[in-house]
Amino acid sequence: MGLVKHIPNTITLLNLVSGVFGIISAARGDMGCAFAFMLAAAVFDVLDGASARGLKAYSAIGKELDSLADLVSFGVLPSLMLFFKMQEIFTGPAFLAYIPLFIVPCAALRLAKFNIDESQAHGFKGLPVPAAAMFIGSAAALLDIFVSGWFARLFANSFLVMPFAVYIPCRLMLSRLPMVSLKSFSKDTDMQGLDRQGGSSGEASGKAAGTRAVLFTVFLIPVIAGIVVLCAFLHEGFFPALVSGICAMFTMYIIVNTVHGTIRWMHLMSGNAPR
């Protein structure tokens, strides 16, 4: 068991190393390779949590190490990817090209809040940092892949598109809106909601089923959007199609979750939270 308990932290370090190699690739101007390293970091980010739960190898250092790795892979890396790309193509005032660097402090604050907020053990409040990173990172990769396409021209020639594309995920990361995640489907989350609402077991079970149906719909819409876009761009090659699909998926994730989270927040404020 002595070595087994180190497996989650080792996977977390692979997340960190992937982020570092991604930054190196971005500095060299290869945004496609940088995004591939970000995808690898995302896989390791999922695996470290799964391995910690499966092996029951929880530790305080693991929690802190996970946040540090996420800050590099999902804070610094996407920020620099978009920053370096905008340095190449942006035709507006030079100071606006530095806006992507604002992602780093927002991601750091979001991760710090997550570490001390026990209410997020069963669901996210605010946009998760990896989701924001996938949106920003995939956009930067698309600017590199389709360098002469309409998407690149939009970012290069408009003074509003890039700042807006950075502001929205940064603002959502720091918000308190409830966001749907894989944690939202856990039985523990359902039971906590049922304990708060009370009522008969039959009524509670019905409301839990309704809640899961809504959550599943919110979670499924971005996945479908990503698959549709991926298939539509397969003629460009698998990797461009994959990046396009991921960008579409996380764009829809942000839109759908913002709408759903706003509705839930309004109900919570009125004392009639949907169960």
C-alpha atoms as a PDB file:
ATOM      1  CA  MET A   1       0.000   0.000   0.000  1.00  0.00           C
ATOM      2  CA  GLY A   2       3.014   2.256   0.519  1.00  0.00           C
ATOM      3  CA  LEU A   3       3.599   2.701  -3.221  1.00  0.00           C
ATOM      4  CA  VAL A   4      -0.071   2.525  -4.162  1.00  0.00           C
ATOM      5  CA  LYS A   5      -0.917   5.663  -2.201  1.00  0.00           C
ATOM      6  CA  HIS A   6       1.478   7.641  -4.415  1.00  0.00           C
ATOM      7  CA  ILE A   7      -0.276   6.677  -7.672  1.00  0.00           C
ATOM      8  CA  PRO A   8      -2.790   9.588  -7.657  1.00  0.00           C
ATOM      9  CA  ASN A   9      -0.069  12.161  -6.983  1.00  0.00           C
ATOM     10  CA  THR A  10       2.103  10.651  -9.722  1.00  0.00           C
ATOM     11  CA  ILE A  11      -0.769  11.026 -12.184  1.00  0.00           C
ATOM     12  CA  THR A  12      -1.256  14.621 -11.009  1.00  0.00           C
ATOM     13  CA  LEU A  13       2.414  15.299 -11.734  1.00  0.00           C
ATOM     14  CA  LEU A  14       1.889  13.929 -15.250  1.00  0.00           C
ATOM     15  CA  ASN A  15      -0.876  16.526 -15.574  1.00  0.00           C
ATOM     16  CA  LEU A  16       1.628  19.194 -14.531  1.00  0.00           C
ATOM     17  CA  VAL A  17       4.333  17.926 -16.900  1.00  0.00           C
ATOM     18  CA  SER A  18       1.838  17.900 -19.773  1.00  0.00           C
ATOM     19  CA  GLY A  19       1.037  21.527 -19.013  1.00  0.00           C
ATOM     20  CA  VAL A  20       4.721  22.470 -19.029  1.00  0.00           C
ATOM     21  CA  PHE A  21       5.309  20.777 -22.384  1.00  0.00           C
ATOM     22  CA  GLY A  22       2.197  22.502 -23.678  1.00  0.00           C
ATOM     23  CA  ILE A  23       3.613  25.884 -22.667  1.00  0.00           C
ATOM     24  CA  ILE A  24       6.875  25.069 -24.458  1.00  0.00           C
ATOM     25  CA  SER A  25       4.931  24.130 -27.598  1.00  0.00           C
ATOM     26  CA  ALA A  26       2.894  27.334 -27.402  1.00  0.00           C
ATOM     27  CA  ALA A  27       6.067  29.403 -27.054  1.00  0.00           C
ATOM     28  CA  ARG A  28       7.347  27.744 -30.222  1.00  0.00           C
ATOM     29  CA  GLY A  29       4.144  28.706 -32.028  1.00  0.00           C
ATOM     30  CA  ASP A  30       2.715  25.185 -32.330  1.00  0.00           C
ATOM     31  CA  MET A  31      -0.762  25.649 -30.866  1.00  0.00           C
ATOM     32  CA  GLY A  32      -1.989  22.304 -32.160  1.00  0.00           C
ATOM     33  CA  CYS A  33       0.697  20.464 -30.220  1.00  0.00           C
ATOM     34  CA  ALA A  34       0.073  22.683 -27.191  1.00  0.00           C
ATOM     35  CA  PHE A  35      -3.608  21.774 -27.255  1.00  0.00           C
ATOM     36  CA  ALA A  36      -2.749  18.084 -27.571  1.00  0.00           C
ATOM     37  CA  PHE A  37      -0.748  18.405 -24.348  1.00  0.00           C
ATOM     38  CA  MET A  38      -3.733  20.152 -22.765  1.00  0.00           C
ATOM     39  CA  LEU A  39      -5.919  17.197 -23.720  1.00  0.00           C
ATOM     40  CA  ALA A  40      -3.368  14.858 -22.146  1.00  0.00           C
ATOM     41  CA  ALA A  41      -3.424  16.993 -18.998  1.00  0.00           C
ATOM     42  CA  ALA A  42      -7.227  16.754 -18.935  1.00  0.00           C
ATOM     43  CA  VAL A  43      -7.048  12.956 -19.136  1.00  0.00           C
ATOM     44  CA  PHE A  44      -4.571  12.863 -16.254  1.00  0.00           C
ATOM     45  CA  ASP A  45      -6.770  15.292 -14.308  1.00  0.00           C
ATOM     46  CA  VAL A  46      -9.687  12.870 -14.569  1.00  0.00           C
ATOM     47  CA  LEU A  47      -7.541   9.836 -13.782  1.00  0.00           C
ATOM     48  CA  ASP A  48      -5.920  11.262 -10.646  1.00  0.00           C
ATOM     49  CA  GLY A  49      -9.285  11.860  -9.009  1.00  0.00           C
ATOM     50  CA  ALA A  50     -10.618   8.474 -10.112  1.00  0.00           C
ATOM     51  CA  SER A  51      -7.529   6.679  -8.831  1.00  0.00           C
ATOM     52  CA  ALA A  52      -7.650   8.524  -5.504  1.00  0.00           C
ATOM     53  CA  ARG A  53     -11.268   7.467  -5.007  1.00  0.00           C
ATOM     54  CA  GLY A  54     -10.676   3.912  -6.197  1.00  0.00           C
ATOM     55  CA  LEU A  55      -7.587   3.391  -4.052  1.00  0.00           C
ATOM     56  CA  LYS A  56      -8.897   5.538  -1.184  1.00  0.00           C
ATOM     57  CA  ALA A  57      -5.557   7.326  -1.342  1.00  0.00           C
ATOM     58  CA  TYR A  58      -6.660  10.801  -0.285  1.00  0.00           C
ATOM     59  CA  SER A  59      -4.119  13.269   1.071  1.00  0.00           C
ATOM     60  CA  ALA A  60      -3.862  16.971   1.826  1.00  0.00           C
ATOM     61  CA  ILE A  61      -0.802  17.286  -0.387  1.00  0.00           C
ATOM     62  CA  GLY A  62      -2.706  15.635  -3.240  1.00  0.00           C
ATOM     63  CA  LYS A  63      -5.448  18.257  -3.048  1.00  0.00           C
ATOM     64  CA  GLU A  64      -2.967  21.128  -3.139  1.00  0.00           C
ATOM     65  CA  LEU A  65      -0.851  19.482  -5.832  1.00  0.00           C
ATOM     66  CA  ASP A  66      -3.931  19.025  -7.999  1.00  0.00           C
ATOM     67  CA  SER A  67      -4.701  22.746  -7.842  1.00  0.00           C
ATOM     68  CA  LEU A  68      -1.113  23.684  -8.675  1.00  0.00           C
ATOM     69  CA  ALA A  69      -1.085  21.332 -11.662  1.00  0.00           C
ATOM     70  CA  ASP A  70      -4.459  22.640 -12.842  1.00  0.00           C
ATOM     71  CA  LEU A  71      -3.239  26.227 -12.605  1.00  0.00           C
ATOM     72  CA  VAL A  72      -0.351  25.436 -14.950  1.00  0.00           C
ATOM     73  CA  SER A  73      -2.207  23.165 -17.388  1.00  0.00           C
ATOM     74  CA  PHE A  74      -5.584  24.935 -17.413  1.00  0.00           C
ATOM     75  CA  GLY A  75      -4.655  28.467 -16.361  1.00  0.00           C
ATOM     76  CA  VAL A  76      -1.213  29.399 -17.673  1.00  0.00           C
ATOM     77  CA  LEU A  77      -1.244  27.168 -20.775  1.00  0.00           C
ATOM     78  CA  PRO A  78      -4.493  28.373 -22.431  1.00  0.00           C
ATOM     79  CA  SER A  79      -3.685  31.948 -21.450  1.00  0.00           C
ATOM     80  CA  LEU A  80      -0.311  31.816 -23.200  1.00  0.00           C
ATOM     81  CA  MET A  81      -1.715  29.937 -26.188  1.00  0.00           C
ATOM     82  CA  LEU A  82      -4.186  32.720 -26.934  1.00  0.00           C
ATOM     83  CA  PHE A  83      -1.695  35.446 -25.965  1.00  0.00           C
ATOM     84  CA  PHE A  84       1.010  34.178 -28.336  1.00  0.00           C
ATOM     85  CA  LYS A  85      -1.494  33.718 -31.142  1.00  0.00           C
ATOM     86  CA  MET A  86      -2.959  37.191 -30.715  1.00  0.00           C
ATOM     87  CA  GLN A  87       0.565  38.634 -30.809  1.00  0.00           C
ATOM     88  CA  GLU A  88       0.799  37.178 -34.311  1.00  0.00           C
ATOM     89  CA  ILE A  89      -2.571  38.063 -35.810  1.00  0.00           C
ATOM     90  CA  PHE A  90      -4.231  40.861 -33.829  1.00  0.00           C
ATOM     91  CA  THR A  91      -4.531  44.092 -35.790  1.00  0.00           C
ATOM     92  CA  GLY A  92      -5.952  46.245 -33.004  1.00  0.00           C
ATOM     93  CA  PRO A  93      -4.192  48.201 -30.242  1.00  0.00           C
ATOM     94  CA  ALA A  94      -1.218  46.223 -28.928  1.00  0.00           C
ATOM     95  CA  PHE A  95      -2.295  46.437 -25.287  1.00  0.00           C
ATOM     96  CA  LEU A  96      -5.507  44.507 -26.036  1.00  0.00           C
ATOM     97  CA  ALA A  97      -3.450  41.486 -27.062  1.00  0.00           C
ATOM     98  CA  TYR A  98      -2.409  41.115 -23.404  1.00  0.00           C
ATOM     99  CA  ILE A  99      -5.995  40.503 -22.264  1.00  0.00           C
ATOM    100  CA  PRO A 100      -5.640  36.672 -22.429  1.00  0.00           C
ATOM    101  CA  LEU A 101      -3.142  36.866 -19.547  1.00  0.00           C
ATOM    102  CA  PHE A 102      -6.078  37.857 -17.326  1.00  0.00           C
ATOM    103  CA  ILE A 103      -7.107  34.191 -17.407  1.00  0.00           C
ATOM    104  CA  VAL A 104      -4.281  33.205 -15.036  1.00  0.00           C
ATOM    105  CA  PRO A 105      -5.311  35.203 -11.929  1.00  0.00           C
ATOM    106  CA  CYS A 106      -8.967  34.284 -12.494  1.00  0.00           C
ATOM    107  CA  ALA A 107      -8.092  30.591 -12.681  1.00  0.00           C
ATOM    108  CA  ALA A 108      -5.912  30.867  -9.570  1.00  0.00           C
ATOM    109  CA  LEU A 109      -8.707  32.520  -7.599  1.00  0.00           C
ATOM    110  CA  ARG A 110     -11.257  29.958  -8.827  1.00  0.00           C
ATOM    111  CA  LEU A 111      -9.036  27.048  -7.755  1.00  0.00           C
ATOM    112  CA  ALA A 112      -8.339  28.629  -4.363  1.00  0.00           C
ATOM    113  CA  LYS A 113     -12.058  29.140  -3.745  1.00  0.00           C
ATOM    114  CA  PHE A 114     -12.768  25.540  -4.743  1.00  0.00           C
ATOM    115  CA  ASN A 115     -10.242  24.236  -2.208  1.00  0.00           C
ATOM    116  CA  ILE A 116     -11.889  25.978   0.747  1.00  0.00           C
ATOM    117  CA  ASP A 117     -15.553  25.713  -0.296  1.00  0.00           C
ATOM    118  CA  GLU A 118     -16.952  22.473   1.130  1.00  0.00           C
ATOM    119  CA  SER A 119     -20.280  23.019  -0.643  1.00  0.00           C
ATOM    120  CA  GLN A 120     -18.547  22.183  -3.945  1.00  0.00           C
ATOM    121  CA  ALA A 121     -17.771  18.625  -2.887  1.00  0.00           C
ATOM    122  CA  HIS A 122     -20.872  17.458  -4.796  1.00  0.00           C
ATOM    123  CA  GLY A 123     -21.099  20.032  -7.579  1.00  0.00           C
ATOM    124  CA  PHE A 124     -19.428  23.107  -9.003  1.00  0.00           C
ATOM    125  CA  LYS A 125     -20.263  26.735  -8.306  1.00  0.00           C
ATOM    126  CA  GLY A 126     -18.824  28.766 -11.097  1.00  0.00           C
ATOM    127  CA  LEU A 127     -17.305  27.523 -14.344  1.00  0.00           C
ATOM    128  CA  PRO A 128     -14.675  24.815 -13.697  1.00  0.00           C
ATOM    129  CA  VAL A 129     -11.181  25.901 -14.693  1.00  0.00           C
ATOM    130  CA  PRO A 130     -10.609  22.925 -17.057  1.00  0.00           C
ATOM    131  CA  ALA A 131     -13.830  23.773 -18.938  1.00  0.00           C
ATOM    132  CA  ALA A 132     -12.718  27.385 -19.395  1.00  0.00           C
ATOM    133  CA  ALA A 133      -9.300  26.124 -20.505  1.00  0.00           C
ATOM    134  CA  MET A 134     -10.780  23.805 -23.109  1.00  0.00           C
ATOM    135  CA  PHE A 135     -12.820  26.666 -24.545  1.00  0.00           C
ATOM    136  CA  ILE A 136      -9.882  29.102 -24.690  1.00  0.00           C
ATOM    137  CA  GLY A 137      -7.297  26.493 -25.698  1.00  0.00           C
ATOM    138  CA  SER A 138      -9.396  25.032 -28.502  1.00  0.00           C
ATOM    139  CA  ALA A 139     -10.114  28.534 -29.825  1.00  0.00           C
ATOM    140  CA  ALA A 140      -6.377  29.311 -29.886  1.00  0.00           C
ATOM    141  CA  ALA A 141      -5.670  26.013 -31.643  1.00  0.00           C
ATOM    142  CA  LEU A 142      -8.346  26.757 -34.257  1.00  0.00           C
ATOM    143  CA  LEU A 143      -6.748  30.148 -34.912  1.00  0.00           C
ATOM    144  CA  ASP A 144      -3.546  28.253 -35.719  1.00  0.00           C
ATOM    145  CA  ILE A 145      -5.180  25.476 -37.748  1.00  0.00           C
ATOM    146  CA  PHE A 146      -7.483  27.674 -39.844  1.00  0.00           C
ATOM    147  CA  VAL A 147      -5.140  30.639 -40.006  1.00  0.00           C
ATOM    148  CA  SER A 148      -6.813  32.191 -43.065  1.00  0.00           C
ATOM    149  CA  GLY A 149     -10.394  31.250 -42.223  1.00  0.00           C
ATOM    150  CA  TRP A 150     -13.271  33.408 -41.018  1.00  0.00           C
ATOM    151  CA  PHE A 151     -12.654  32.421 -37.393  1.00  0.00           C
ATOM    152  CA  ALA A 152      -9.098  33.778 -37.447  1.00  0.00           C
ATOM    153  CA  ARG A 153     -10.168  36.938 -39.276  1.00  0.00           C
ATOM    154  CA  LEU A 154     -12.860  37.526 -36.665  1.00  0.00           C
ATOM    155  CA  PHE A 155     -10.346  37.378 -33.811  1.00  0.00           C
ATOM    156  CA  ALA A 156      -7.700  39.337 -35.711  1.00  0.00           C
ATOM    157  CA  ASN A 157      -9.789  42.240 -36.973  1.00  0.00           C
ATOM    158  CA  SER A 158     -12.389  42.793 -34.257  1.00  0.00           C
ATOM    159  CA  PHE A 159     -11.573  44.755 -31.118  1.00  0.00           C
ATOM    160  CA  LEU A 160     -14.411  43.051 -29.228  1.00  0.00           C
ATOM    161  CA  VAL A 161     -14.404  39.334 -30.079  1.00  0.00           C
ATOM    162  CA  MET A 162     -11.215  38.305 -28.285  1.00  0.00           C
ATOM    163  CA  PRO A 163     -11.802  40.431 -25.140  1.00  0.00           C
ATOM    164  CA  PHE A 164     -15.375  39.132 -24.986  1.00  0.00           C
ATOM    165  CA  ALA A 165     -14.215  35.521 -25.486  1.00  0.00           C
ATOM    166  CA  VAL A 166     -11.837  35.954 -22.536  1.00  0.00           C
ATOM    167  CA  TYR A 167     -14.163  37.934 -20.277  1.00  0.00           C
ATOM    168  CA  ILE A 168     -17.088  35.477 -20.374  1.00  0.00           C
ATOM    169  CA  PRO A 169     -15.242  32.381 -19.060  1.00  0.00           C
ATOM    170  CA  CYS A 170     -13.248  34.490 -16.585  1.00  0.00           C
ATOM    171  CA  ARG A 171     -16.407  36.050 -15.197  1.00  0.00           C
ATOM    172  CA  LEU A 172     -18.139  32.679 -14.982  1.00  0.00           C
ATOM    173  CA  MET A 173     -15.175  31.108 -13.188  1.00  0.00           C
ATOM    174  CA  LEU A 174     -15.582  33.677 -10.418  1.00  0.00           C
ATOM    175  CA  SER A 175     -19.375  33.461 -10.279  1.00  0.00           C
ATOM    176  CA  ARG A 176     -21.489  31.443  -7.830  1.00  0.00           C
ATOM    177  CA  LEU A 177     -23.743  29.936 -10.484  1.00  0.00           C
ATOM    178  CA  PRO A 178     -24.282  26.181  -9.991  1.00  0.00           C
ATOM    179  CA  MET A 179     -22.771  24.263 -12.894  1.00  0.00           C
ATOM    180  CA  VAL A 180     -23.563  20.724 -14.016  1.00  0.00           C
ATOM    181  CA  SER A 181     -20.660  18.295 -13.769  1.00  0.00           C
ATOM    182  CA  LEU A 182     -20.176  14.556 -13.395  1.00  0.00           C
ATOM    183  CA  LYS A 183     -20.420  15.147  -9.640  1.00  0.00           C
ATOM    184  CA  SER A 184     -23.989  16.322 -10.154  1.00  0.00           C
ATOM    185  CA  PHE A 185     -25.073  12.773 -10.944  1.00  0.00           C
ATOM    186  CA  SER A 186     -23.818  11.195  -7.718  1.00  0.00           C
ATOM    187  CA  LYS A 187     -26.284   9.591  -5.345  1.00  0.00           C
ATOM    188  CA  ASP A 188     -24.815  11.607  -2.473  1.00  0.00           C
ATOM    189  CA  THR A 189     -25.793  14.818  -4.237  1.00  0.00           C
ATOM    190  CA  ASP A 190     -29.351  13.579  -4.702  1.00  0.00           C
ATOM    191  CA  MET A 191     -29.609  12.513  -1.077  1.00  0.00           C
ATOM    192  CA  GLN A 192     -28.392  15.888   0.171  1.00  0.00           C
ATOM    193  CA  GLY A 193     -31.085  17.601  -1.884  1.00  0.00           C
ATOM    194  CA  LEU A 194     -33.750  15.190  -0.624  1.00  0.00           C
ATOM    195  CA  ASP A 195     -32.723  15.658   2.990  1.00  0.00           C
ATOM    196  CA  ARG A 196     -33.143  19.408   2.630  1.00  0.00           C
ATOM    197  CA  GLN A 197     -36.558  19.185   0.993  1.00  0.00           C
ATOM    198  CA  GLY A 198     -38.096  16.450   3.163  1.00  0.00           C
ATOM    199  CA  GLY A 199     -41.369  14.826   2.105  1.00  0.00           C
ATOM    200  CA  SER A 200     -42.327  11.231   1.483  1.00  0.00           C
ATOM    201  CA  SER A 201     -39.853   8.800   0.001  1.00  0.00           C
ATOM    202  CA  GLY A 202     -42.003   8.348  -3.131  1.00  0.00           C
ATOM    203  CA  GLU A 203     -42.257  12.081  -3.716  1.00  0.00           C
ATOM    204  CA  ALA A 204     -38.558  12.507  -3.006  1.00  0.00           C
ATOM    205  CA  SER A 205     -37.622   9.729  -5.436  1.00  0.00           C
ATOM    206  CA  GLY A 206     -39.765  11.310  -8.142  1.00  0.00           C
ATOM    207  CA  LYS A 207     -38.139  14.693  -7.661  1.00  0.00           C
ATOM    208  CA  ALA A 208     -34.680  13.102  -7.673  1.00  0.00           C
ATOM    209  CA  ALA A 209     -35.480  11.400 -10.988  1.00  0.00           C
ATOM    210  CA  GLY A 210     -36.697  14.718 -12.401  1.00  0.00           C
ATOM    211  CA  THR A 211     -33.538  16.467 -11.246  1.00  0.00           C
ATOM    212  CA  ARG A 212     -31.354  13.848 -12.865  1.00  0.00           C
ATOM    213  CA  ALA A 213     -33.313  14.115 -16.115  1.00  0.00           C
ATOM    214  CA  VAL A 214     -32.709  17.882 -16.229  1.00  0.00           C
ATOM    215  CA  LEU A 215     -29.034  17.469 -15.389  1.00  0.00           C
ATOM    216  CA  PHE A 216     -28.640  14.770 -18.028  1.00  0.00           C
ATOM    217  CA  THR A 217     -30.226  17.015 -20.662  1.00  0.00           C
ATOM    218  CA  VAL A 218     -27.959  19.936 -19.762  1.00  0.00           C
ATOM    219  CA  PHE A 219     -24.946  17.633 -19.889  1.00  0.00           C
ATOM    220  CA  LEU A 220     -25.991  15.922 -23.131  1.00  0.00           C
ATOM    221  CA  ILE A 221     -26.629  19.003 -25.296  1.00  0.00           C
ATOM    222  CA  PRO A 222     -22.942  20.081 -25.419  1.00  0.00           C
ATOM    223  CA  VAL A 223     -21.848  16.504 -26.160  1.00  0.00           C
ATOM    224  CA  ILE A 224     -24.244  16.265 -29.107  1.00  0.00           C
ATOM    225  CA  ALA A 225     -23.086  19.661 -30.407  1.00  0.00           C
ATOM    226  CA  GLY A 226     -19.465  18.536 -30.205  1.00  0.00           C
ATOM    227  CA  ILE A 227     -20.131  15.299 -32.083  1.00  0.00           C
ATOM    228  CA  VAL A 228     -22.089  17.087 -34.818  1.00  0.00           C
ATOM    229  CA  VAL A 229     -19.318  19.652 -35.394  1.00  0.00           C
ATOM    230  CA  LEU A 230     -16.620  16.969 -35.281  1.00  0.00           C
ATOM    231  CA  CYS A 231     -18.414  15.009 -38.002  1.00  0.00           C
ATOM    232  CA  ALA A 232     -18.961  18.163 -40.065  1.00  0.00           C
ATOM    233  CA  PHE A 233     -15.222  18.960 -40.078  1.00  0.00           C
ATOM    234  CA  LEU A 234     -13.857  15.455 -40.668  1.00  0.00           C
ATOM    235  CA  HIS A 235     -13.032  16.405 -44.260  1.00  0.00           C
ATOM    236  CA  GLU A 236     -10.386  18.771 -42.824  1.00  0.00           C
ATOM    237  CA  GLY A 237      -8.640  15.887 -41.056  1.00  0.00           C
ATOM    238  CA  PHE A 238      -9.201  14.199 -37.712  1.00  0.00           C
ATOM    239  CA  PHE A 239      -7.284  16.601 -35.470  1.00  0.00           C
ATOM    240  CA  PRO A 240      -8.844  19.807 -36.888  1.00  0.00           C
ATOM    241  CA  ALA A 241     -12.240  18.111 -36.590  1.00  0.00           C
ATOM    242  CA  LEU A 242     -11.496  17.051 -33.007  1.00  0.00           C
ATOM    243  CA  VAL A 243     -10.441  20.566 -31.987  1.00  0.00           C
ATOM    244  CA  SER A 244     -13.513  22.042 -33.697  1.00  0.00           C
ATOM    245  CA  GLY A 245     -15.767  19.556 -31.921  1.00  0.00           C
ATOM    246  CA  ILE A 246     -14.218  20.290 -28.543  1.00  0.00           C
ATOM    247  CA  CYS A 247     -14.554  24.039 -29.098  1.00  0.00           C
ATOM    248  CA  ALA A 248     -18.231  23.609 -30.014  1.00  0.00           C
ATOM    249  CA  MET A 249     -18.855  21.284 -27.075  1.00  0.00           C
ATOM    250  CA  PHE A 250     -17.412  23.620 -24.461  1.00  0.00           C
ATOM    251  CA  THR A 251     -19.025  26.665 -26.058  1.00  0.00           C
ATOM    252  CA  MET A 252     -22.383  24.938 -25.653  1.00  0.00           C
ATOM    253  CA  TYR A 253     -21.397  23.759 -22.167  1.00  0.00           C
ATOM    254  CA  ILE A 254     -20.831  27.372 -21.137  1.00  0.00           C
ATOM    255  CA  ILE A 255     -24.052  28.624 -22.749  1.00  0.00           C
ATOM    256  CA  VAL A 256     -26.355  25.861 -21.491  1.00  0.00           C
ATOM    257  CA  ASN A 257     -24.874  25.800 -17.998  1.00  0.00           C
ATOM    258  CA  THR A 258     -25.058  29.571 -17.695  1.00  0.00           C
ATOM    259  CA  VAL A 259     -28.761  29.517 -18.565  1.00  0.00           C
ATOM    260  CA  HIS A 260     -29.464  26.526 -16.306  1.00  0.00           C
ATOM    261  CA  GLY A 261     -27.343  27.933 -13.467  1.00  0.00           C
ATOM    262  CA  THR A 262     -29.038  31.335 -13.688  1.00  0.00           C
ATOM    263  CA  ILE A 263     -32.481  29.726 -13.473  1.00  0.00           C
ATOM    264  CA  ARG A 264     -31.427  27.622 -10.484  1.00  0.00           C
ATOM    265  CA  TRP A 265     -29.867  30.633  -8.780  1.00  0.00           C
ATOM    266  CA  MET A 266     -33.047  32.684  -9.271  1.00  0.00           C
ATOM    267  CA  HIS A 267     -35.116  29.875  -7.773  1.00  0.00           C
ATOM    268  CA  LEU A 268     -32.712  29.588  -4.853  1.00  0.00           C
ATOM    269  CA  MET A 269     -32.968  33.312  -4.216  1.00  0.00           C
ATOM    270  CA  SER A 270     -36.757  33.062  -4.216  1.00  0.00           C
ATOM    271  CA  GLY A 271     -36.674  30.057  -1.881  1.00  0.00           C
ATOM    272  CA  ASN A 272     -38.117  27.680  -4.474  1.00  0.00           C
ATOM    273  CA  ALA A 273     -35.086  25.813  -5.723  1.00  0.00           C
ATOM    274  CA  PRO A 274     -36.012  23.109  -8.258  1.00  0.00           C
ATOM    275  CA  ARG A 275     -35.377  19.676  -6.841  1.00  0.00           C
END
